[in-house]
Protein backbone atom coordinates (compact mmCIF):
# COMPACT_ATOMS: atom_id res chain seq x y z
CA ILE A 1 50.92 -30.87 64.84
CA ASN A 2 53.22 -31.79 62.11
CA TYR A 3 57.01 -31.12 61.88
CA ILE A 4 59.31 -30.22 58.92
CA LYS A 5 62.89 -31.27 58.06
CA TYR A 6 64.56 -28.83 55.73
CA LYS A 7 67.38 -29.57 53.36
CA TYR A 8 69.84 -26.78 52.01
CA ASP A 9 72.25 -26.82 49.14
CA LYS A 10 75.94 -25.72 49.37
CA LYS A 11 74.96 -22.00 49.06
CA ASP A 12 72.57 -22.42 52.14
CA ARG A 13 69.37 -22.13 50.01
CA MET A 14 66.39 -24.33 50.99
CA VAL A 15 65.95 -27.00 48.29
CA GLU A 16 63.65 -29.43 50.05
CA ALA A 17 61.21 -29.71 52.98
CA GLU A 18 59.70 -32.98 54.23
CA TYR A 19 56.80 -32.82 56.52
CA TYR A 20 56.01 -35.62 59.07
CA ARG A 21 53.32 -36.73 61.51
CA PRO A 22 55.32 -36.69 64.76
CA THR A 23 53.24 -39.37 66.79
CA VAL A 24 54.42 -42.20 64.43
CA ASP A 25 57.17 -40.27 62.63
CA THR A 26 55.35 -40.75 59.32
CA LEU A 27 56.36 -39.00 56.23
CA LEU A 28 53.25 -37.11 54.88
CA GLY A 29 54.99 -35.47 51.90
CA LYS A 30 57.73 -33.23 50.55
CA TRP A 31 58.21 -29.94 48.83
CA VAL A 32 61.14 -29.59 46.22
CA ILE A 33 62.04 -25.99 45.80
CA GLY A 34 63.78 -24.45 42.89
CA ASN A 35 65.77 -21.04 43.30
CA ASN A 36 67.02 -18.44 41.04
CA ARG A 37 70.60 -17.02 41.17
CA GLU A 38 69.61 -14.73 43.95
CA GLY A 39 68.49 -17.59 46.16
CA GLN A 40 64.80 -16.73 45.87
CA TYR A 41 62.37 -19.68 45.42
CA ILE A 42 60.75 -19.66 41.95
CA LYS A 43 59.29 -23.11 41.79
CA ILE A 44 57.82 -25.52 44.39
CA GLU A 45 56.84 -29.01 43.48
CA PHE A 46 54.74 -31.11 45.91
CA PHE A 47 54.93 -34.81 46.38
CA ASN A 48 52.97 -37.22 48.54
CA TYR A 49 54.35 -39.75 50.96
CA LYS A 50 54.94 -42.27 48.15
CA ASN A 51 57.03 -39.58 46.19
CA ALA A 52 54.22 -39.26 43.68
CA PHE A 53 53.90 -35.74 42.08
CA ARG A 54 50.78 -33.87 43.33
CA ASN A 55 51.11 -30.42 42.04
CA ARG A 56 53.49 -27.49 41.48
CA ASN A 57 53.71 -23.61 41.79
CA GLU A 58 55.86 -21.35 39.68
CA ILE A 59 56.75 -17.90 40.72
CA THR A 60 57.91 -14.97 38.47
CA ARG A 61 59.79 -12.14 40.14
CA ARG A 62 60.74 -8.62 39.32
CA GLU A 63 64.58 -7.61 39.48
CA ASP A 64 63.96 -6.41 43.09
CA GLY A 65 62.64 -9.98 44.09
CA ARG A 66 59.09 -8.93 44.50
CA VAL A 67 56.59 -11.61 43.23
CA ILE A 68 54.61 -10.55 40.03
CA GLU A 69 53.06 -13.82 39.02
CA ARG A 70 52.23 -17.09 40.52
CA LYS A 71 51.02 -20.07 38.59
CA TYR A 72 49.38 -23.25 40.11
CA TYR A 73 49.49 -26.50 38.20
CA ASN A 74 47.62 -29.76 39.03
CA LYS A 75 48.98 -33.29 39.14
CA SER A 76 48.33 -33.55 35.44
CA ASP A 77 50.61 -30.50 35.07
CA SER A 78 47.90 -28.20 33.65
CA MET A 79 47.77 -24.71 34.84
CA ILE A 80 44.62 -24.30 36.98
CA VAL A 81 45.18 -20.87 38.63
CA LYS A 82 47.33 -17.81 37.76
CA GLU A 83 47.72 -14.75 40.03
CA VAL A 84 49.08 -11.49 38.60
CA LEU A 85 50.37 -8.96 41.24
CA THR A 86 51.38 -5.41 41.05
CA TYR A 87 53.02 -2.88 43.35
CA ASN A 88 52.66 0.89 43.75
CA ASN A 89 55.43 3.53 43.71
CA ASP A 90 55.91 2.97 47.43
CA ASN A 91 56.60 -0.83 46.64
CA LEU A 92 53.39 -1.76 48.47
CA PHE A 93 51.09 -4.34 47.24
CA ALA A 94 48.75 -2.53 44.81
CA SER A 95 46.64 -5.29 43.12
CA GLN A 96 46.08 -8.97 42.64
CA GLU A 97 44.08 -10.57 39.79
CA ILE A 98 43.28 -14.14 39.86
CA PHE A 99 42.67 -16.16 36.71
CA SER A 100 41.06 -19.69 36.86
CA ARG A 101 41.33 -21.63 33.67
CA GLY A 102 42.14 -18.54 31.66
CA LYS A 103 39.26 -16.41 32.95
CA SER A 104 39.43 -13.62 35.61
CA SER A 105 37.64 -14.61 38.74
CA GLY A 106 38.31 -11.37 40.46
CA LYS A 107 40.71 -8.37 40.94
CA TYR A 108 41.67 -6.96 44.36
CA THR A 109 43.18 -3.53 44.70
CA MET A 110 44.65 -1.82 47.65
CA ASP A 111 44.42 1.97 48.63
CA TYR A 112 46.44 3.20 51.49
CA THR A 113 46.53 6.06 53.96
CA PHE A 114 49.65 7.13 55.63
CA GLU A 115 50.45 8.54 59.08
CA SER A 116 52.82 11.50 59.68
CA LYS A 117 56.03 9.35 59.62
CA GLY A 118 55.18 7.93 56.20
CA ASN A 119 54.07 4.47 57.33
CA TRP A 120 50.77 3.20 56.02
CA GLU A 121 47.96 3.26 58.54
CA THR A 122 44.94 1.90 56.65
CA ALA A 123 44.65 -0.23 53.63
CA LEU A 124 41.27 -0.43 51.82
CA VAL A 125 40.89 -3.74 49.82
CA LYS A 126 38.58 -3.46 47.04
CA ARG A 127 37.26 -6.55 45.13
CA ASN A 128 36.29 -5.66 41.53
CA GLY A 129 36.11 -1.95 42.52
CA LYS A 130 33.85 -2.47 45.53
CA PRO A 131 35.10 -2.15 49.31
CA TYR A 132 35.80 -5.59 50.51
CA LEU A 133 38.05 -5.25 53.69
CA LEU A 134 39.61 -2.58 55.73
CA VAL A 135 42.92 -3.03 57.33
CA GLU A 136 44.00 -0.80 60.12
CA ARG A 137 47.25 -0.69 62.01
CA SER A 138 48.71 1.63 64.60
CA TYR A 139 52.30 2.53 65.57
CA MET A 140 53.89 3.22 68.89
CA TYR A 141 57.08 5.14 68.77
CA TYR A 142 59.44 5.36 71.77
């Protein structure tokens, strides 16, 4: 099991995380985190134990903070994967389309059913329009 040391800026936003192997206290790598004005992360750069750049992720958010796009770049700083996310009128996750090297490699959509108090009870995940996964949850009210 590894452990992580976090670093924060003056506004108490996480800006870096180093992860270590605890048995010999060896640095394995670090993440450098960029935040927007609201303090939400929008960029993560990954470095190895020698502080050499490995890859990075960029996140685009809506005004309400929900993630609408993620881009993944390799160590040559070329974008290798892009995810586009949408949400429904209830602000629940509605779809995710994944692009690899510019071509869609699949689109996942979610269809929900709701229980009497308005909480979602089942989510049917479809991949390219075909059922892929059924998620069920139950509630216990006191």
